[in-house]
Amino acid sequence: MTIKPSAEVGEAVRNLLIEEDMTNEQMALDLNISKQLVSHYKNDRRRMQQDIAKQSIRVYEDSPEYIGELLYEFSDGYTSPVLKGPAIERHRLALEANAEREITEALNKIRTVCLAKPPSNINENEKEGIAQMMDELLEARAFIDNLNMMLEKEYGIPIKKRIKKLLPQWKAKGWLL
């Protein structure tokens, strides 16, 4: 995976401005850029450069959905997207129910797939089963990530702070170097 040097961030900027009840001028001041550049970002006439994205993540660290949208765009789709489609209810209870359902579906698929064979010895049906398992895991991850974003937003519990708290435990368990 590579981080793109620039990305279209119009939707992320538009959503942030609405969410924070902020003007283009305020965002420009916050990021030390021109209000015209904010307008260009907002309307997808200019791509946001990586350095501005990093700065905006620091400035708007209390806006998990904005950060999620930037990470998705700059990672070229490697991270989970912010789920905002017409079939998604963004309430914490709905996200919780969807996450639980997707986790259950992923666990059920994990139980049906055997990873004991070396990858070089699997047939096409087994490979398709592994791909389906990956799909289920990715759907679960998307809802878990979106639920965490909502919990951070509504309860003021930063994801980054929780991860930093967990890092020593993960190191102690030998999960990290």
N, C-alpha and C. Protein backbone atom coordinates (compact mmCIF):
# COMPACT_ATOMS: atom_id res chain seq x y z
N MET A 1 0.84 -1.17 0.00
CA MET A 1 0.00 0.00 0.00
C MET A 1 0.89 1.24 0.00
N THR A 2 0.48 2.22 -0.75
CA THR A 2 1.17 3.50 -0.73
C THR A 2 0.18 4.59 -0.36
N ILE A 3 0.68 5.62 0.25
CA ILE A 3 -0.13 6.79 0.55
C ILE A 3 -0.02 7.73 -0.64
N LYS A 4 -1.15 8.12 -1.18
CA LYS A 4 -1.14 9.00 -2.34
C LYS A 4 -0.61 10.38 -1.94
N PRO A 5 0.12 11.04 -2.82
CA PRO A 5 0.64 12.38 -2.51
C PRO A 5 -0.46 13.43 -2.43
N SER A 6 -1.59 13.17 -3.09
CA SER A 6 -2.72 14.10 -3.04
C SER A 6 -4.00 13.30 -3.27
N ALA A 7 -5.12 13.88 -2.84
CA ALA A 7 -6.40 13.18 -3.01
C ALA A 7 -7.54 14.17 -3.11
N GLU A 8 -8.61 13.73 -3.77
CA GLU A 8 -9.84 14.53 -3.81
C GLU A 8 -10.55 14.36 -2.48
N VAL A 9 -10.84 15.48 -1.84
CA VAL A 9 -11.39 15.44 -0.48
C VAL A 9 -12.66 16.29 -0.35
N GLY A 10 -13.30 16.57 -1.47
CA GLY A 10 -14.47 17.45 -1.46
C GLY A 10 -15.54 17.01 -0.49
N GLU A 11 -15.92 15.74 -0.54
CA GLU A 11 -16.97 15.25 0.34
C GLU A 11 -16.55 15.38 1.80
N ALA A 12 -15.31 15.03 2.10
CA ALA A 12 -14.82 15.13 3.48
C ALA A 12 -14.87 16.57 3.98
N VAL A 13 -14.42 17.50 3.14
CA VAL A 13 -14.41 18.92 3.53
C VAL A 13 -15.84 19.43 3.69
N ARG A 14 -16.70 19.11 2.74
CA ARG A 14 -18.10 19.55 2.84
C ARG A 14 -18.75 19.03 4.12
N ASN A 15 -18.54 17.76 4.41
CA ASN A 15 -19.12 17.16 5.62
C ASN A 15 -18.56 17.80 6.89
N LEU A 16 -17.27 18.07 6.90
CA LEU A 16 -16.65 18.70 8.08
C LEU A 16 -17.21 20.10 8.30
N LEU A 17 -17.31 20.87 7.24
CA LEU A 17 -17.84 22.23 7.37
C LEU A 17 -19.26 22.21 7.93
N ILE A 18 -20.07 21.28 7.48
CA ILE A 18 -21.45 21.16 7.99
C ILE A 18 -21.44 20.68 9.44
N GLU A 19 -20.68 19.61 9.69
CA GLU A 19 -20.63 19.01 11.04
C GLU A 19 -20.16 20.02 12.08
N GLU A 20 -19.16 20.80 11.74
CA GLU A 20 -18.58 21.75 12.68
C GLU A 20 -19.22 23.13 12.58
N ASP A 21 -20.22 23.28 11.69
CA ASP A 21 -20.87 24.57 11.46
C ASP A 21 -19.80 25.64 11.23
N MET A 22 -18.94 25.36 10.27
CA MET A 22 -17.75 26.17 10.03
C MET A 22 -17.82 26.76 8.61
N THR A 23 -17.21 27.91 8.44
CA THR A 23 -17.13 28.54 7.13
C THR A 23 -15.82 28.17 6.44
N ASN A 24 -15.78 28.43 5.14
CA ASN A 24 -14.53 28.25 4.40
C ASN A 24 -13.43 29.10 5.03
N GLU A 25 -13.79 30.33 5.44
CA GLU A 25 -12.81 31.25 6.02
C GLU A 25 -12.21 30.67 7.30
N GLN A 26 -13.06 30.05 8.14
CA GLN A 26 -12.56 29.49 9.40
C GLN A 26 -11.61 28.32 9.13
N MET A 27 -11.96 27.48 8.18
CA MET A 27 -11.09 26.36 7.84
C MET A 27 -9.77 26.88 7.27
N ALA A 28 -9.85 27.90 6.44
CA ALA A 28 -8.64 28.50 5.87
C ALA A 28 -7.73 29.02 6.98
N LEU A 29 -8.30 29.70 7.95
CA LEU A 29 -7.50 30.20 9.08
C LEU A 29 -6.90 29.05 9.87
N ASP A 30 -7.70 28.02 10.14
CA ASP A 30 -7.23 26.86 10.91
C ASP A 30 -6.04 26.18 10.25
N LEU A 31 -6.05 26.12 8.91
CA LEU A 31 -5.03 25.38 8.18
C LEU A 31 -3.96 26.28 7.55
N ASN A 32 -4.12 27.58 7.75
CA ASN A 32 -3.18 28.56 7.20
C ASN A 32 -3.07 28.44 5.68
N ILE A 33 -4.26 28.37 5.06
CA ILE A 33 -4.35 28.33 3.61
C ILE A 33 -5.38 29.37 3.19
N SER A 34 -5.53 29.62 1.90
CA SER A 34 -6.49 30.61 1.44
C SER A 34 -7.90 30.03 1.45
N LYS A 35 -8.88 30.92 1.59
CA LYS A 35 -10.28 30.46 1.55
C LYS A 35 -10.63 29.95 0.16
N GLN A 36 -9.94 30.46 -0.87
CA GLN A 36 -10.17 29.97 -2.23
C GLN A 36 -9.73 28.51 -2.34
N LEU A 37 -8.61 28.17 -1.68
CA LEU A 37 -8.14 26.79 -1.72
C LEU A 37 -9.14 25.88 -1.01
N VAL A 38 -9.70 26.33 0.10
CA VAL A 38 -10.73 25.55 0.78
C VAL A 38 -11.91 25.32 -0.17
N SER A 39 -12.32 26.37 -0.88
CA SER A 39 -13.41 26.26 -1.85
C SER A 39 -13.06 25.25 -2.94
N HIS A 40 -11.83 25.29 -3.42
CA HIS A 40 -11.39 24.34 -4.44
C HIS A 40 -11.44 22.91 -3.90
N TYR A 41 -10.98 22.70 -2.66
CA TYR A 41 -11.06 21.36 -2.06
C TYR A 41 -12.51 20.91 -1.98
N LYS A 42 -13.34 21.79 -1.44
CA LYS A 42 -14.75 21.49 -1.19
C LYS A 42 -15.48 21.10 -2.47
N ASN A 43 -15.11 21.71 -3.56
CA ASN A 43 -15.78 21.46 -4.84
C ASN A 43 -14.99 20.53 -5.76
N ASP A 44 -13.99 19.86 -5.21
CA ASP A 44 -13.15 18.90 -5.95
C ASP A 44 -12.51 19.51 -7.19
N ARG A 45 -12.15 20.79 -7.10
CA ARG A 45 -11.41 21.42 -8.20
C ARG A 45 -9.90 21.33 -7.98
N ARG A 46 -9.49 21.04 -6.76
CA ARG A 46 -8.07 20.83 -6.43
C ARG A 46 -7.98 19.63 -5.50
N ARG A 47 -6.89 18.93 -5.63
CA ARG A 47 -6.62 17.80 -4.74
C ARG A 47 -5.85 18.30 -3.53
N MET A 48 -6.19 17.79 -2.37
CA MET A 48 -5.48 18.17 -1.15
C MET A 48 -4.13 17.45 -1.13
N GLN A 49 -3.09 18.20 -0.82
CA GLN A 49 -1.76 17.63 -0.72
C GLN A 49 -1.59 16.94 0.63
N GLN A 50 -0.69 15.98 0.66
CA GLN A 50 -0.46 15.18 1.85
C GLN A 50 -0.11 16.02 3.08
N ASP A 51 0.71 17.06 2.92
CA ASP A 51 1.11 17.86 4.08
C ASP A 51 -0.08 18.62 4.67
N ILE A 52 -0.98 19.10 3.83
CA ILE A 52 -2.18 19.79 4.32
C ILE A 52 -3.11 18.77 4.99
N ALA A 53 -3.19 17.58 4.44
CA ALA A 53 -4.02 16.53 5.04
C ALA A 53 -3.51 16.19 6.44
N LYS A 54 -2.20 16.02 6.59
CA LYS A 54 -1.63 15.72 7.91
C LYS A 54 -1.94 16.83 8.90
N GLN A 55 -1.77 18.06 8.46
CA GLN A 55 -2.05 19.20 9.32
C GLN A 55 -3.54 19.23 9.69
N SER A 56 -4.42 18.98 8.74
CA SER A 56 -5.84 19.03 9.02
C SER A 56 -6.27 17.91 9.97
N ILE A 57 -5.61 16.76 9.89
CA ILE A 57 -5.90 15.67 10.83
C ILE A 57 -5.54 16.10 12.25
N ARG A 58 -4.42 16.81 12.39
CA ARG A 58 -4.04 17.31 13.72
C ARG A 58 -5.03 18.37 14.21
N VAL A 59 -5.40 19.28 13.33
CA VAL A 59 -6.29 20.38 13.72
C VAL A 59 -7.70 19.86 14.05
N TYR A 60 -8.18 18.93 13.26
CA TYR A 60 -9.54 18.42 13.44
C TYR A 60 -9.55 17.01 14.03
N GLU A 61 -8.68 16.79 14.99
CA GLU A 61 -8.55 15.46 15.58
C GLU A 61 -9.82 15.00 16.31
N ASP A 62 -10.73 15.93 16.59
CA ASP A 62 -11.99 15.58 17.24
C ASP A 62 -13.10 15.29 16.23
N SER A 63 -12.75 15.10 14.98
CA SER A 63 -13.71 14.81 13.92
C SER A 63 -13.36 13.47 13.27
N PRO A 64 -13.73 12.37 13.93
CA PRO A 64 -13.30 11.05 13.45
C PRO A 64 -13.78 10.70 12.04
N GLU A 65 -14.97 11.16 11.66
CA GLU A 65 -15.45 10.84 10.31
C GLU A 65 -14.64 11.57 9.26
N TYR A 66 -14.26 12.82 9.53
CA TYR A 66 -13.41 13.57 8.61
C TYR A 66 -12.07 12.85 8.45
N ILE A 67 -11.50 12.46 9.56
CA ILE A 67 -10.22 11.74 9.52
C ILE A 67 -10.38 10.44 8.75
N GLY A 68 -11.47 9.71 9.03
CA GLY A 68 -11.72 8.46 8.31
C GLY A 68 -11.84 8.66 6.82
N GLU A 69 -12.53 9.73 6.41
CA GLU A 69 -12.67 10.01 4.98
C GLU A 69 -11.32 10.35 4.35
N LEU A 70 -10.51 11.16 5.05
CA LEU A 70 -9.18 11.49 4.52
C LEU A 70 -8.31 10.23 4.40
N LEU A 71 -8.29 9.43 5.45
CA LEU A 71 -7.47 8.21 5.42
C LEU A 71 -7.90 7.28 4.29
N TYR A 72 -9.19 7.17 4.08
CA TYR A 72 -9.69 6.32 2.99
C TYR A 72 -9.21 6.85 1.63
N GLU A 73 -9.35 8.16 1.42
CA GLU A 73 -8.95 8.75 0.14
C GLU A 73 -7.43 8.66 -0.07
N PHE A 74 -6.65 9.01 0.95
CA PHE A 74 -5.20 9.02 0.78
C PHE A 74 -4.61 7.61 0.73
N SER A 75 -5.29 6.62 1.32
CA SER A 75 -4.80 5.24 1.25
C SER A 75 -5.28 4.54 -0.01
N ASP A 76 -6.02 5.28 -0.86
CA ASP A 76 -6.55 4.73 -2.11
C ASP A 76 -7.47 3.54 -1.84
N GLY A 77 -8.27 3.66 -0.78
CA GLY A 77 -9.25 2.63 -0.47
C GLY A 77 -8.76 1.49 0.38
N TYR A 78 -7.60 1.62 0.99
CA TYR A 78 -7.07 0.53 1.81
C TYR A 78 -7.74 0.49 3.18
N THR A 79 -8.13 1.65 3.70
CA THR A 79 -8.82 1.71 4.99
C THR A 79 -10.33 1.65 4.74
N SER A 80 -11.09 1.51 5.81
CA SER A 80 -12.54 1.45 5.67
C SER A 80 -13.11 2.80 5.27
N PRO A 81 -14.09 2.79 4.38
CA PRO A 81 -14.76 4.06 4.05
C PRO A 81 -15.72 4.45 5.17
N VAL A 82 -16.06 5.72 5.22
CA VAL A 82 -17.12 6.17 6.12
C VAL A 82 -18.43 5.82 5.42
N LEU A 83 -19.22 4.98 6.07
CA LEU A 83 -20.46 4.49 5.48
C LEU A 83 -21.56 5.54 5.66
N LYS A 84 -21.93 6.18 4.56
CA LYS A 84 -22.93 7.25 4.62
C LYS A 84 -23.98 7.11 3.52
N GLY A 85 -24.11 5.94 2.94
CA GLY A 85 -25.06 5.75 1.85
C GLY A 85 -26.50 5.80 2.32
N PRO A 86 -27.42 5.80 1.36
CA PRO A 86 -28.84 5.91 1.71
C PRO A 86 -29.37 4.72 2.51
N ALA A 87 -28.71 3.58 2.47
CA ALA A 87 -29.17 2.40 3.20
C ALA A 87 -28.51 2.27 4.57
N ILE A 88 -27.78 3.31 5.00
CA ILE A 88 -27.08 3.26 6.29
C ILE A 88 -27.70 4.26 7.25
N GLU A 89 -28.09 3.76 8.40
CA GLU A 89 -28.51 4.63 9.50
C GLU A 89 -27.28 4.87 10.37
N ARG A 90 -26.89 6.13 10.53
CA ARG A 90 -25.64 6.47 11.23
C ARG A 90 -25.83 6.62 12.74
N HIS A 91 -26.92 6.12 13.28
CA HIS A 91 -27.11 6.16 14.73
C HIS A 91 -26.27 5.07 15.37
N ARG A 92 -25.77 5.33 16.56
CA ARG A 92 -24.88 4.37 17.22
C ARG A 92 -25.52 3.00 17.40
N LEU A 93 -26.83 2.95 17.70
CA LEU A 93 -27.49 1.66 17.89
C LEU A 93 -27.59 0.88 16.58
N ALA A 94 -27.86 1.58 15.49
CA ALA A 94 -27.92 0.92 14.19
C ALA A 94 -26.53 0.42 13.78
N LEU A 95 -25.52 1.24 14.00
CA LEU A 95 -24.15 0.81 13.67
C LEU A 95 -23.73 -0.37 14.54
N GLU A 96 -24.13 -0.35 15.81
CA GLU A 96 -23.83 -1.47 16.70
C GLU A 96 -24.48 -2.76 16.19
N ALA A 97 -25.76 -2.68 15.81
CA ALA A 97 -26.47 -3.87 15.31
C ALA A 97 -25.84 -4.37 14.01
N ASN A 98 -25.49 -3.45 13.11
CA ASN A 98 -24.85 -3.85 11.86
C ASN A 98 -23.48 -4.47 12.11
N ALA A 99 -22.70 -3.89 13.03
CA ALA A 99 -21.38 -4.45 13.35
C ALA A 99 -21.52 -5.86 13.92
N GLU A 100 -22.48 -6.03 14.81
CA GLU A 100 -22.70 -7.36 15.41
C GLU A 100 -23.08 -8.38 14.33
N ARG A 101 -23.98 -7.99 13.43
CA ARG A 101 -24.40 -8.89 12.35
C ARG A 101 -23.21 -9.25 11.45
N GLU A 102 -22.42 -8.24 11.07
CA GLU A 102 -21.29 -8.50 10.17
C GLU A 102 -20.20 -9.33 10.86
N ILE A 103 -19.98 -9.10 12.13
CA ILE A 103 -19.00 -9.91 12.89
C ILE A 103 -19.46 -11.36 12.92
N THR A 104 -20.75 -11.59 13.17
CA THR A 104 -21.30 -12.94 13.21
C THR A 104 -21.16 -13.62 11.85
N GLU A 105 -21.47 -12.88 10.77
CA GLU A 105 -21.32 -13.45 9.43
C GLU A 105 -19.86 -13.79 9.14
N ALA A 106 -18.95 -12.93 9.57
CA ALA A 106 -17.52 -13.20 9.36
C ALA A 106 -17.08 -14.43 10.13
N LEU A 107 -17.52 -14.55 11.39
CA LEU A 107 -17.15 -15.72 12.19
C LEU A 107 -17.71 -17.00 11.58
N ASN A 108 -18.94 -16.93 11.09
CA ASN A 108 -19.53 -18.11 10.43
C ASN A 108 -18.73 -18.51 9.21
N LYS A 109 -18.28 -17.54 8.42
CA LYS A 109 -17.49 -17.85 7.23
C LYS A 109 -16.12 -18.41 7.62
N ILE A 110 -15.52 -17.84 8.67
CA ILE A 110 -14.22 -18.34 9.15
C ILE A 110 -14.32 -19.83 9.49
N ARG A 111 -15.44 -20.22 10.09
CA ARG A 111 -15.63 -21.62 10.49
C ARG A 111 -15.72 -22.57 9.29
N THR A 112 -16.09 -22.04 8.12
CA THR A 112 -16.26 -22.90 6.95
C THR A 112 -15.02 -22.97 6.06
N VAL A 113 -14.06 -22.12 6.32
CA VAL A 113 -12.87 -22.05 5.46
C VAL A 113 -11.69 -22.70 6.19
N CYS A 114 -10.96 -23.51 5.46
CA CYS A 114 -9.78 -24.15 6.02
C CYS A 114 -8.53 -23.49 5.46
N LEU A 115 -7.70 -22.95 6.35
CA LEU A 115 -6.45 -22.33 5.93
C LEU A 115 -5.24 -23.23 6.22
N ALA A 116 -5.50 -24.50 6.53
CA ALA A 116 -4.43 -25.41 6.89
C ALA A 116 -3.55 -25.80 5.70
N LYS A 117 -4.13 -25.83 4.51
CA LYS A 117 -3.36 -26.17 3.33
C LYS A 117 -2.42 -25.03 2.95
N PRO A 118 -1.26 -25.35 2.43
CA PRO A 118 -0.40 -24.29 1.91
C PRO A 118 -1.09 -23.60 0.72
N PRO A 119 -0.92 -22.30 0.59
CA PRO A 119 -1.58 -21.59 -0.52
C PRO A 119 -1.30 -22.19 -1.90
N SER A 120 -0.14 -22.77 -2.08
CA SER A 120 0.19 -23.34 -3.39
C SER A 120 -0.59 -24.63 -3.69
N ASN A 121 -1.25 -25.21 -2.68
CA ASN A 121 -1.96 -26.48 -2.88
C ASN A 121 -3.48 -26.33 -2.87
N ILE A 122 -4.01 -25.12 -2.90
CA ILE A 122 -5.47 -24.98 -2.87
C ILE A 122 -6.02 -24.93 -4.29
N ASN A 123 -7.28 -25.37 -4.41
CA ASN A 123 -7.93 -25.31 -5.72
C ASN A 123 -8.72 -24.00 -5.84
N GLU A 124 -9.35 -23.79 -6.99
CA GLU A 124 -10.09 -22.55 -7.24
C GLU A 124 -11.27 -22.37 -6.30
N ASN A 125 -11.97 -23.47 -5.97
CA ASN A 125 -13.10 -23.37 -5.04
C ASN A 125 -12.63 -22.94 -3.65
N GLU A 126 -11.52 -23.50 -3.22
CA GLU A 126 -10.98 -23.12 -1.90
C GLU A 126 -10.51 -21.66 -1.90
N LYS A 127 -9.91 -21.25 -3.02
CA LYS A 127 -9.46 -19.86 -3.12
C LYS A 127 -10.67 -18.91 -3.10
N GLU A 128 -11.74 -19.28 -3.77
CA GLU A 128 -12.96 -18.46 -3.75
C GLU A 128 -13.54 -18.39 -2.34
N GLY A 129 -13.49 -19.49 -1.59
CA GLY A 129 -13.96 -19.48 -0.20
C GLY A 129 -13.14 -18.53 0.66
N ILE A 130 -11.84 -18.49 0.41
CA ILE A 130 -10.96 -17.57 1.15
C ILE A 130 -11.29 -16.13 0.78
N ALA A 131 -11.53 -15.88 -0.51
CA ALA A 131 -11.91 -14.53 -0.95
C ALA A 131 -13.22 -14.11 -0.30
N GLN A 132 -14.18 -15.02 -0.21
CA GLN A 132 -15.46 -14.70 0.45
C GLN A 132 -15.26 -14.42 1.94
N MET A 133 -14.37 -15.16 2.56
CA MET A 133 -14.06 -14.92 3.97
C MET A 133 -13.45 -13.53 4.13
N MET A 134 -12.55 -13.17 3.24
CA MET A 134 -11.96 -11.84 3.29
C MET A 134 -13.03 -10.76 3.14
N ASP A 135 -13.99 -10.98 2.22
CA ASP A 135 -15.08 -10.02 2.04
C ASP A 135 -15.86 -9.84 3.34
N GLU A 136 -16.18 -10.95 4.00
CA GLU A 136 -16.92 -10.87 5.26
C GLU A 136 -16.11 -10.13 6.33
N LEU A 137 -14.82 -10.42 6.39
CA LEU A 137 -13.96 -9.73 7.36
C LEU A 137 -13.90 -8.23 7.07
N LEU A 138 -13.82 -7.86 5.78
CA LEU A 138 -13.77 -6.45 5.42
C LEU A 138 -15.08 -5.73 5.73
N GLU A 139 -16.21 -6.41 5.51
CA GLU A 139 -17.49 -5.81 5.86
C GLU A 139 -17.60 -5.61 7.37
N ALA A 140 -17.14 -6.59 8.13
CA ALA A 140 -17.15 -6.46 9.60
C ALA A 140 -16.23 -5.31 10.02
N ARG A 141 -15.06 -5.24 9.42
CA ARG A 141 -14.11 -4.16 9.75
C ARG A 141 -14.72 -2.79 9.45
N ALA A 142 -15.40 -2.67 8.31
CA ALA A 142 -16.01 -1.38 7.95
C ALA A 142 -17.02 -0.95 9.01
N PHE A 143 -17.86 -1.87 9.45
CA PHE A 143 -18.85 -1.50 10.47
C PHE A 143 -18.20 -1.29 11.84
N ILE A 144 -17.17 -2.05 12.16
CA ILE A 144 -16.46 -1.83 13.43
C ILE A 144 -15.81 -0.45 13.41
N ASP A 145 -15.13 -0.12 12.32
CA ASP A 145 -14.48 1.19 12.21
C ASP A 145 -15.49 2.32 12.29
N ASN A 146 -16.63 2.17 11.60
CA ASN A 146 -17.65 3.21 11.62
C ASN A 146 -18.32 3.31 13.00
N LEU A 147 -18.51 2.20 13.67
CA LEU A 147 -19.05 2.24 15.03
C LEU A 147 -18.07 2.96 15.95
N ASN A 148 -16.79 2.65 15.84
CA ASN A 148 -15.79 3.33 16.67
C ASN A 148 -15.77 4.84 16.39
N MET A 149 -15.90 5.23 15.11
CA MET A 149 -15.96 6.66 14.79
C MET A 149 -17.15 7.33 15.48
N MET A 150 -18.29 6.65 15.45
CA MET A 150 -19.49 7.20 16.06
C MET A 150 -19.34 7.27 17.58
N LEU A 151 -18.76 6.26 18.18
CA LEU A 151 -18.56 6.27 19.63
C LEU A 151 -17.62 7.39 20.04
N GLU A 152 -16.55 7.59 19.25
CA GLU A 152 -15.64 8.70 19.54
C GLU A 152 -16.38 10.02 19.46
N LYS A 153 -17.15 10.18 18.41
CA LYS A 153 -17.86 11.44 18.18
C LYS A 153 -18.89 11.71 19.29
N GLU A 154 -19.68 10.71 19.64
CA GLU A 154 -20.78 10.93 20.58
C GLU A 154 -20.34 10.90 22.04
N TYR A 155 -19.35 10.10 22.37
CA TYR A 155 -18.94 9.97 23.77
C TYR A 155 -17.64 10.71 24.09
N GLY A 156 -16.99 11.24 23.05
CA GLY A 156 -15.75 11.98 23.28
C GLY A 156 -14.60 11.10 23.76
N ILE A 157 -14.59 9.86 23.32
CA ILE A 157 -13.51 8.93 23.68
C ILE A 157 -12.67 8.71 22.43
N PRO A 158 -11.51 9.35 22.33
CA PRO A 158 -10.71 9.27 21.09
C PRO A 158 -10.16 7.88 20.80
N ILE A 159 -10.34 7.45 19.56
CA ILE A 159 -9.81 6.17 19.11
C ILE A 159 -8.29 6.14 19.30
N LYS A 160 -7.64 7.22 18.90
CA LYS A 160 -6.18 7.30 18.99
C LYS A 160 -5.70 7.10 20.43
N LYS A 161 -6.40 7.70 21.37
CA LYS A 161 -6.05 7.56 22.79
C LYS A 161 -6.23 6.11 23.26
N ARG A 162 -7.30 5.47 22.81
CA ARG A 162 -7.55 4.07 23.18
C ARG A 162 -6.45 3.17 22.61
N ILE A 163 -6.06 3.42 21.37
CA ILE A 163 -5.00 2.61 20.76
C ILE A 163 -3.69 2.80 21.52
N LYS A 164 -3.36 4.05 21.84
CA LYS A 164 -2.12 4.31 22.60
C LYS A 164 -2.14 3.60 23.94
N LYS A 165 -3.31 3.52 24.57
CA LYS A 165 -3.45 2.83 25.85
C LYS A 165 -3.25 1.32 25.68
N LEU A 166 -3.69 0.80 24.55
CA LEU A 166 -3.60 -0.64 24.31
C LEU A 166 -2.21 -1.09 23.83
N LEU A 167 -1.43 -0.18 23.24
CA LEU A 167 -0.13 -0.57 22.68
C LEU A 167 0.78 -1.30 23.67
N PRO A 168 0.94 -0.83 24.92
CA PRO A 168 1.80 -1.58 25.86
C PRO A 168 1.29 -3.00 26.11
N GLN A 169 -0.03 -3.16 26.15
CA GLN A 169 -0.59 -4.51 26.35
C GLN A 169 -0.29 -5.40 25.16
N TRP A 170 -0.42 -4.83 23.96
CA TRP A 170 -0.15 -5.61 22.76
C TRP A 170 1.33 -5.98 22.68
N LYS A 171 2.20 -5.07 23.11
CA LYS A 171 3.63 -5.38 23.14
C LYS A 171 3.92 -6.46 24.16
N ALA A 172 3.29 -6.38 25.34
CA ALA A 172 3.49 -7.37 26.40
C ALA A 172 3.02 -8.77 25.95
N LYS A 173 2.01 -8.81 25.12
CA LYS A 173 1.50 -10.08 24.60
C LYS A 173 2.35 -10.61 23.45
N GLY A 174 3.33 -9.79 23.00
CA GLY A 174 4.18 -10.20 21.90
C GLY A 174 3.55 -9.97 20.53
N TRP A 175 2.50 -9.16 20.49
CA TRP A 175 1.83 -8.87 19.21
C TRP A 175 2.59 -7.82 18.43
N LEU A 176 3.36 -7.00 19.11
CA LEU A 176 4.13 -5.92 18.48
C LEU A 176 5.57 -6.00 18.95
N LEU A 177 6.45 -5.44 18.17
CA LEU A 177 7.86 -5.37 18.56
C LEU A 177 8.10 -4.15 19.43
